């Protein structure tokens, strides 16, 4: 049974359900602000005047538009333009825009198949003051301290920031670890 009512169409809603799954987060915010509910979407054609409005012969007050807000962009990858966004439906970070498919070891993967299913609030990798997602940059497999590009990103030399190689096991490796590996093989 509904214990709160829409201010626009008088539809009854369960107060617990408004914040726990009956509505998206942005819909609940609009509903609690008196802007309508998912049934009427704030449509003035379905508005019923309240008792005071009827007594005074007044029109209902103007209301804001029932529009899903755009996702908040936390950061964007400079390599593939994918964005870490806060979804207005659930308030959680999600991947959006750009290329959501990356290639690793010769196969194409969507986010969540390899790497994190949801982005972090902070950028995954920062190389030469640019941000990169897990599909474009990984930590060096050997030292786990230096980010390297997962494939050629336009580095001109082996000592450029983010430059790396592919090790024998197919994982990215930084120049320092590659040189150490090369020296140990020569000995």
Foldseek 3Di string as FASTA:
>chain_A
DFPDAQLFQRHGDNPVCLPPPPFFQVQSVCRVVNQGHPVCQNDNVRGDDDPVCVVVVHRDDDHDGSDQDDWAFLAAAPQFRWTFTQHRRHRFTAIDDGDQWADAPHDIDGQPVPDHRGDDSDAPDAWPNGGHHPRQWAQAPPPSPAIAGLDDRPDPDLPHTRHFDQDPVRGTHHPVVVVVVVVVVVD
